[in-house]
């Protein structure tokens, strides 16, 4: 049996090379191999591997939030999300009808009817924004139109919102 270089443990050659294991006459992924065909809970309750990255990064993340002042960061993201809703709807000529107290660090806004109304339209626009403008945006079709969900982060600013508004407007 080959040894892995990461854990120093021994594992079967098939799992080492393919990430799959044989279960009876079929192959299954390692993630659900412990509870295969025994229902959702048994298939997903067992954690096959434990990635400690989040645990190891948590102290640095907490220190950074203290340095930046967590409450100030939350206020900034809320204000940017609120402004984004107004900027995008003004630029696209769509209504912005969400009460301010319902906006946290994310806001969902309607796109103009010309943007489309199907899942395919959303996928096409999302891909064009990503590949051509390097903008990643969550888009979805709902109630016969496309909607954009803006997630304001501390690394975003108003120029990012204006760039998005222009990139979508160019495609209409």
Protein backbone atom coordinates (compact mmCIF):
# COMPACT_ATOMS: atom_id res chain seq x y z
CA UNK A 1 0.00 0.00 0.00
CA UNK A 2 1.32 3.45 -0.87
CA UNK A 3 1.95 6.04 1.82
CA UNK A 4 0.56 9.53 1.42
CA UNK A 5 2.94 12.42 1.82
CA UNK A 6 0.45 14.60 3.68
CA UNK A 7 -0.74 12.48 6.54
CA UNK A 8 1.83 9.70 6.74
CA UNK A 9 -1.01 7.18 6.94
CA UNK A 10 -1.44 4.21 4.69
CA UNK A 11 -4.49 3.91 2.47
CA UNK A 12 -5.64 1.56 -0.27
CA UNK A 13 -4.21 2.22 -3.73
CA UNK A 14 -7.64 2.75 -5.35
CA UNK A 15 -8.54 5.51 -2.91
CA UNK A 16 -5.10 7.06 -3.18
CA UNK A 17 -5.25 7.31 -6.93
CA UNK A 18 -8.89 8.00 -7.73
CA UNK A 19 -10.60 9.46 -4.68
CA UNK A 20 -13.20 6.72 -5.09
CA UNK A 21 -13.80 3.41 -3.40
CA UNK A 22 -15.62 0.36 -4.65
CA UNK A 23 -18.89 -0.45 -2.89
CA UNK A 24 -20.17 -3.76 -4.16
CA UNK A 25 -20.32 -3.42 -7.92
CA UNK A 26 -20.22 0.37 -8.06
CA UNK A 27 -17.84 3.14 -7.14
CA UNK A 28 -18.74 5.82 -4.62
CA UNK A 29 -17.07 8.94 -3.37
CA UNK A 30 -15.18 8.79 -0.08
CA UNK A 31 -17.28 11.58 1.43
CA UNK A 32 -20.41 9.47 1.83
CA UNK A 33 -18.82 6.03 1.85
CA UNK A 34 -19.45 5.57 5.56
CA UNK A 35 -23.23 5.73 5.28
CA UNK A 36 -23.91 5.02 1.61
CA UNK A 37 -27.57 4.29 0.88
CA UNK A 38 -28.61 4.67 4.53
CA UNK A 39 -30.17 8.12 4.18
CA UNK A 40 -29.13 11.75 4.46
CA UNK A 41 -28.15 11.75 8.12
CA UNK A 42 -25.90 8.69 7.95
CA UNK A 43 -24.35 9.84 4.68
CA UNK A 44 -23.45 13.32 5.89
CA UNK A 45 -23.02 12.96 9.65
CA UNK A 46 -19.53 11.46 9.41
CA UNK A 47 -16.75 13.91 8.62
CA UNK A 48 -14.26 12.03 6.47
CA UNK A 49 -11.53 14.63 6.80
CA UNK A 50 -11.16 17.55 9.13
CA UNK A 51 -9.62 20.66 7.65
CA UNK A 52 -8.18 22.68 10.54
CA UNK A 53 -7.69 25.84 8.47
CA UNK A 54 -10.69 27.71 9.89
CA UNK A 55 -9.73 26.81 13.46
CA UNK A 56 -6.15 27.93 12.91
CA UNK A 57 -7.19 31.17 11.19
CA UNK A 58 -9.84 32.14 13.76
CA UNK A 59 -7.49 33.89 16.22
CA UNK A 60 -6.06 36.06 13.42
CA UNK A 61 -9.54 36.81 12.13
CA UNK A 62 -10.74 37.87 15.57
CA UNK A 63 -7.63 40.03 16.04
CA UNK A 64 -8.26 41.70 12.67
CA UNK A 65 -11.89 42.43 13.56
CA UNK A 66 -10.73 44.03 16.81
CA UNK A 67 -8.14 46.09 14.94
CA UNK A 68 -10.69 47.26 12.39
CA UNK A 69 -13.44 47.75 15.00
CA UNK A 70 -16.09 45.15 14.26
CA UNK A 71 -19.02 47.55 14.75
CA UNK A 72 -17.47 50.09 12.37
CA UNK A 73 -16.96 47.35 9.75
CA UNK A 74 -20.60 46.25 10.05
CA UNK A 75 -21.80 49.87 9.74
CA UNK A 76 -19.60 50.37 6.66
CA UNK A 77 -20.92 47.21 4.95
CA UNK A 78 -24.53 48.15 5.75
CA UNK A 79 -24.11 51.67 4.38
CA UNK A 80 -22.42 50.38 1.22
CA UNK A 81 -25.17 47.80 0.65
CA UNK A 82 -27.84 50.47 1.11
CA UNK A 83 -26.07 52.82 -1.31
CA UNK A 84 -25.55 49.96 -3.78
CA UNK A 85 -29.28 49.28 -3.89
CA UNK A 86 -30.01 52.91 -4.63
CA UNK A 87 -27.19 53.35 -7.17
CA UNK A 88 -28.00 50.18 -9.12
CA UNK A 89 -31.75 50.76 -9.25
CA UNK A 90 -31.26 54.40 -10.28
CA UNK A 91 -28.80 53.38 -13.02
CA UNK A 92 -30.93 50.49 -14.27
CA UNK A 93 -34.28 52.27 -13.95
CA UNK A 94 -35.76 49.68 -11.60
CA UNK A 95 -37.62 50.22 -8.33
CA UNK A 96 -35.77 50.05 -5.02
CA UNK A 97 -38.51 49.24 -2.55
CA UNK A 98 -36.64 47.62 0.34
CA UNK A 99 -36.92 49.35 3.72
CA UNK A 100 -33.52 50.37 5.09
CA UNK A 101 -33.98 48.29 8.25
CA UNK A 102 -34.27 45.16 6.08
CA UNK A 103 -30.83 45.70 4.53
CA UNK A 104 -27.83 44.29 6.35
CA UNK A 105 -24.61 43.82 4.41
CA UNK A 106 -26.53 42.38 1.45
CA UNK A 107 -29.25 43.74 -0.75
CA UNK A 108 -31.18 42.19 -3.64
CA UNK A 109 -32.20 44.44 -6.51
CA UNK A 110 -34.15 43.87 -9.72
CA UNK A 111 -32.53 44.17 -13.13
CA UNK A 112 -34.39 45.70 -16.07
CA UNK A 113 -36.67 43.43 -18.07
CA UNK A 114 -34.20 43.66 -20.98
CA UNK A 115 -31.70 41.61 -18.93
CA UNK A 116 -33.95 38.55 -19.26
CA UNK A 117 -36.07 36.43 -16.98
CA UNK A 118 -34.74 32.87 -17.10
CA UNK A 119 -32.09 30.86 -15.31
CA UNK A 120 -30.24 30.71 -18.64
CA UNK A 121 -30.29 34.52 -18.91
CA UNK A 122 -28.90 34.77 -15.37
CA UNK A 123 -26.14 32.26 -16.12
CA UNK A 124 -25.21 34.00 -19.38
CA UNK A 125 -24.97 37.45 -17.73
CA UNK A 126 -23.14 36.11 -14.67
CA UNK A 127 -20.54 34.43 -16.90
CA UNK A 128 -20.09 37.52 -19.11
CA UNK A 129 -19.55 39.73 -16.05
CA UNK A 130 -17.04 37.27 -14.65
CA UNK A 131 -15.03 36.65 -17.80
CA UNK A 132 -15.20 40.05 -19.46
CA UNK A 133 -15.36 42.43 -16.50
CA UNK A 134 -13.92 40.29 -13.69
CA UNK A 135 -17.02 40.94 -11.58
CA UNK A 136 -18.48 38.09 -9.59
CA UNK A 137 -22.18 38.55 -8.90
CA UNK A 138 -24.96 36.31 -7.67
CA UNK A 139 -27.82 36.52 -10.18
CA UNK A 140 -31.05 34.58 -10.18
CA UNK A 141 -34.34 34.48 -12.03
CA UNK A 142 -37.48 34.99 -9.96
CA UNK A 143 -40.95 36.31 -10.75
CA UNK A 144 -40.27 36.85 -14.43
CA UNK A 145 -37.10 38.92 -14.07
CA UNK A 146 -33.46 38.73 -13.02
CA UNK A 147 -32.31 39.82 -9.58
CA UNK A 148 -28.81 40.67 -8.35
CA UNK A 149 -27.74 40.04 -4.77
CA UNK A 150 -25.05 42.47 -3.71
CA UNK A 151 -22.89 41.40 -0.79
CA UNK A 152 -20.95 44.41 0.51
CA UNK A 153 -17.61 43.60 2.09
CA UNK A 154 -14.99 45.76 3.78
CA UNK A 155 -12.79 45.50 0.68
CA UNK A 156 -15.52 46.94 -1.59
CA UNK A 157 -16.28 50.60 -2.15
CA UNK A 158 -18.64 52.77 -4.16
CA UNK A 159 -16.48 52.52 -7.29
CA UNK A 160 -17.09 48.74 -7.33
CA UNK A 161 -20.85 49.34 -7.32
CA UNK A 162 -20.61 51.93 -10.08
CA UNK A 163 -18.46 49.58 -12.15
CA UNK A 164 -21.09 46.85 -11.79
CA UNK A 165 -23.89 49.26 -12.71
CA UNK A 166 -22.06 50.25 -15.89
CA UNK A 167 -21.09 46.68 -16.85
CA UNK A 168 -24.70 45.49 -16.67
CA UNK A 169 -26.04 48.62 -18.41
CA UNK A 170 -23.66 48.02 -21.35
CA UNK A 171 -25.24 44.63 -21.92
CA UNK A 172 -28.86 45.81 -22.02
